């Protein structure tokens, strides 16, 4: 019975951590900002695929490391890794990193 309580306690802690990490408004706004950017600037926005997303949050500033792929104008899939920053849902990125 003691083990069951311990396991239940751990599940609650892990669940709460995941909930607050996944639903942080600054992260949601930042993710929406980069998705909107790629929606506007990619040749084929439907082909946009995120392979890996990492972020570090310091206050309202989030630094993102994004590994993504998308179709180029000739129809081939291209994969890139870039780093950029969002602050309060506003995207700051070096356009040369995308090309």
C-alpha atoms as a PDB file:
ATOM      1  CA  UNK A   1       0.000   0.000   0.000  1.00  0.00           C
ATOM      2  CA  UNK A   2       2.894   2.355   0.770  1.00  0.00           C
ATOM      3  CA  UNK A   3       4.390   1.745  -2.682  1.00  0.00           C
ATOM      4  CA  UNK A   4       1.060   2.511  -4.348  1.00  0.00           C
ATOM      5  CA  UNK A   5       0.852   5.865  -2.514  1.00  0.00           C
ATOM      6  CA  UNK A   6       4.415   6.680  -3.539  1.00  0.00           C
ATOM      7  CA  UNK A   7       3.732   5.842  -7.198  1.00  0.00           C
ATOM      8  CA  UNK A   8       0.512   7.870  -7.138  1.00  0.00           C
ATOM      9  CA  UNK A   9       2.367  10.823  -5.594  1.00  0.00           C
ATOM     10  CA  UNK A  10       5.037  10.665  -8.327  1.00  0.00           C
ATOM     11  CA  UNK A  11       2.395  10.515 -11.056  1.00  0.00           C
ATOM     12  CA  UNK A  12       0.667  13.599  -9.668  1.00  0.00           C
ATOM     13  CA  UNK A  13       3.960  15.528  -9.498  1.00  0.00           C
ATOM     14  CA  UNK A  14       4.988  14.517 -13.031  1.00  0.00           C
ATOM     15  CA  UNK A  15       1.513  15.257 -14.382  1.00  0.00           C
ATOM     16  CA  UNK A  16       1.409  18.702 -12.788  1.00  0.00           C
ATOM     17  CA  UNK A  17       4.880  19.511 -14.129  1.00  0.00           C
ATOM     18  CA  UNK A  18       3.901  18.468 -17.646  1.00  0.00           C
ATOM     19  CA  UNK A  19       0.623  20.377 -17.453  1.00  0.00           C
ATOM     20  CA  UNK A  20       2.256  23.647 -16.432  1.00  0.00           C
ATOM     21  CA  UNK A  21       5.088  23.217 -18.949  1.00  0.00           C
ATOM     22  CA  UNK A  22       2.819  22.414 -21.898  1.00  0.00           C
ATOM     23  CA  UNK A  23       0.278  25.126 -21.139  1.00  0.00           C
ATOM     24  CA  UNK A  24       2.567  28.036 -20.300  1.00  0.00           C
ATOM     25  CA  UNK A  25       1.073  31.062 -22.135  1.00  0.00           C
ATOM     26  CA  UNK A  26       4.500  32.437 -23.140  1.00  0.00           C
ATOM     27  CA  UNK A  27       5.423  29.119 -24.767  1.00  0.00           C
ATOM     28  CA  UNK A  28       2.079  28.854 -26.536  1.00  0.00           C
ATOM     29  CA  UNK A  29       2.438  32.437 -27.882  1.00  0.00           C
ATOM     30  CA  UNK A  30       6.027  31.766 -28.996  1.00  0.00           C
ATOM     31  CA  UNK A  31       5.083  28.557 -30.770  1.00  0.00           C
ATOM     32  CA  UNK A  32       2.174  30.307 -32.475  1.00  0.00           C
ATOM     33  CA  UNK A  33       4.532  33.116 -33.584  1.00  0.00           C
ATOM     34  CA  UNK A  34       6.997  30.802 -35.326  1.00  0.00           C
ATOM     35  CA  UNK A  35       4.209  28.700 -36.864  1.00  0.00           C
ATOM     36  CA  UNK A  36       2.615  31.859 -38.311  1.00  0.00           C
ATOM     37  CA  UNK A  37       6.005  32.990 -39.632  1.00  0.00           C
ATOM     38  CA  UNK A  38       6.543  29.725 -41.496  1.00  0.00           C
ATOM     39  CA  UNK A  39       2.936  29.728 -42.720  1.00  0.00           C
ATOM     40  CA  UNK A  40       3.616  33.094 -44.420  1.00  0.00           C
ATOM     41  CA  UNK A  41       7.157  32.486 -45.707  1.00  0.00           C
ATOM     42  CA  UNK A  42       7.396  28.872 -46.845  1.00  0.00           C
ATOM     43  CA  UNK A  43       6.800  27.850 -50.454  1.00  0.00           C
ATOM     44  CA  UNK A  44       4.636  24.947 -49.274  1.00  0.00           C
ATOM     45  CA  UNK A  45       3.439  25.671 -45.700  1.00  0.00           C
ATOM     46  CA  UNK A  46       1.514  22.385 -45.628  1.00  0.00           C
ATOM     47  CA  UNK A  47       4.826  20.505 -45.784  1.00  0.00           C
ATOM     48  CA  UNK A  48       6.192  22.178 -42.616  1.00  0.00           C
ATOM     49  CA  UNK A  49       7.179  19.521 -40.082  1.00  0.00           C
ATOM     50  CA  UNK A  50       8.887  19.946 -36.714  1.00  0.00           C
ATOM     51  CA  UNK A  51      11.273  17.085 -35.960  1.00  0.00           C
ATOM     52  CA  UNK A  52      12.560  18.434 -32.661  1.00  0.00           C
ATOM     53  CA  UNK A  53      11.750  21.479 -30.567  1.00  0.00           C
ATOM     54  CA  UNK A  54      13.705  22.621 -27.521  1.00  0.00           C
ATOM     55  CA  UNK A  55      13.297  25.844 -25.616  1.00  0.00           C
ATOM     56  CA  UNK A  56      14.755  27.659 -22.640  1.00  0.00           C
ATOM     57  CA  UNK A  57      12.631  30.159 -20.787  1.00  0.00           C
ATOM     58  CA  UNK A  58      14.056  33.085 -18.846  1.00  0.00           C
ATOM     59  CA  UNK A  59      11.275  35.398 -17.728  1.00  0.00           C
ATOM     60  CA  UNK A  60       9.262  36.366 -20.807  1.00  0.00           C
ATOM     61  CA  UNK A  61      12.152  35.554 -23.175  1.00  0.00           C
ATOM     62  CA  UNK A  62      12.196  32.117 -24.761  1.00  0.00           C
ATOM     63  CA  UNK A  63      15.131  30.835 -26.805  1.00  0.00           C
ATOM     64  CA  UNK A  64      14.065  28.111 -29.220  1.00  0.00           C
ATOM     65  CA  UNK A  65      16.100  25.428 -30.983  1.00  0.00           C
ATOM     66  CA  UNK A  66      14.030  24.097 -33.855  1.00  0.00           C
ATOM     67  CA  UNK A  67      14.839  21.192 -36.142  1.00  0.00           C
ATOM     68  CA  UNK A  68      12.303  21.318 -38.974  1.00  0.00           C
ATOM     69  CA  UNK A  69      11.695  20.321 -42.553  1.00  0.00           C
ATOM     70  CA  UNK A  70       9.686  21.729 -45.445  1.00  0.00           C
ATOM     71  CA  UNK A  71       9.355  21.367 -49.193  1.00  0.00           C
ATOM     72  CA  UNK A  72      11.515  23.692 -51.317  1.00  0.00           C
ATOM     73  CA  UNK A  73      10.356  25.324 -54.625  1.00  0.00           C
ATOM     74  CA  UNK A  74      11.633  22.319 -56.628  1.00  0.00           C
ATOM     75  CA  UNK A  75       9.578  19.857 -54.560  1.00  0.00           C
ATOM     76  CA  UNK A  76      12.382  18.366 -52.470  1.00  0.00           C
ATOM     77  CA  UNK A  77      12.228  18.177 -48.696  1.00  0.00           C
ATOM     78  CA  UNK A  78      14.825  20.299 -46.903  1.00  0.00           C
ATOM     79  CA  UNK A  79      15.704  19.946 -43.235  1.00  0.00           C
ATOM     80  CA  UNK A  80      17.214  22.762 -41.132  1.00  0.00           C
ATOM     81  CA  UNK A  81      18.082  23.506 -37.538  1.00  0.00           C
ATOM     82  CA  UNK A  82      17.792  27.101 -36.343  1.00  0.00           C
ATOM     83  CA  UNK A  83      17.858  29.056 -33.095  1.00  0.00           C
ATOM     84  CA  UNK A  84      15.640  32.072 -32.486  1.00  0.00           C
ATOM     85  CA  UNK A  85      13.975  34.012 -29.689  1.00  0.00           C
ATOM     86  CA  UNK A  86      10.415  34.977 -28.840  1.00  0.00           C
ATOM     87  CA  UNK A  87       9.439  37.645 -26.332  1.00  0.00           C
ATOM     88  CA  UNK A  88       5.763  37.967 -25.424  1.00  0.00           C
ATOM     89  CA  UNK A  89       4.799  36.175 -28.623  1.00  0.00           C
ATOM     90  CA  UNK A  90       6.974  38.326 -30.893  1.00  0.00           C
ATOM     91  CA  UNK A  91       9.488  36.472 -33.061  1.00  0.00           C
ATOM     92  CA  UNK A  92      13.118  37.574 -33.342  1.00  0.00           C
ATOM     93  CA  UNK A  93      15.037  35.590 -35.924  1.00  0.00           C
ATOM     94  CA  UNK A  94      17.894  36.064 -38.358  1.00  0.00           C
ATOM     95  CA  UNK A  95      16.344  35.650 -41.819  1.00  0.00           C
ATOM     96  CA  UNK A  96      19.680  34.381 -43.203  1.00  0.00           C
ATOM     97  CA  UNK A  97      19.390  31.330 -40.920  1.00  0.00           C
ATOM     98  CA  UNK A  98      16.263  30.245 -42.775  1.00  0.00           C
ATOM     99  CA  UNK A  99      17.594  30.440 -46.348  1.00  0.00           C
END
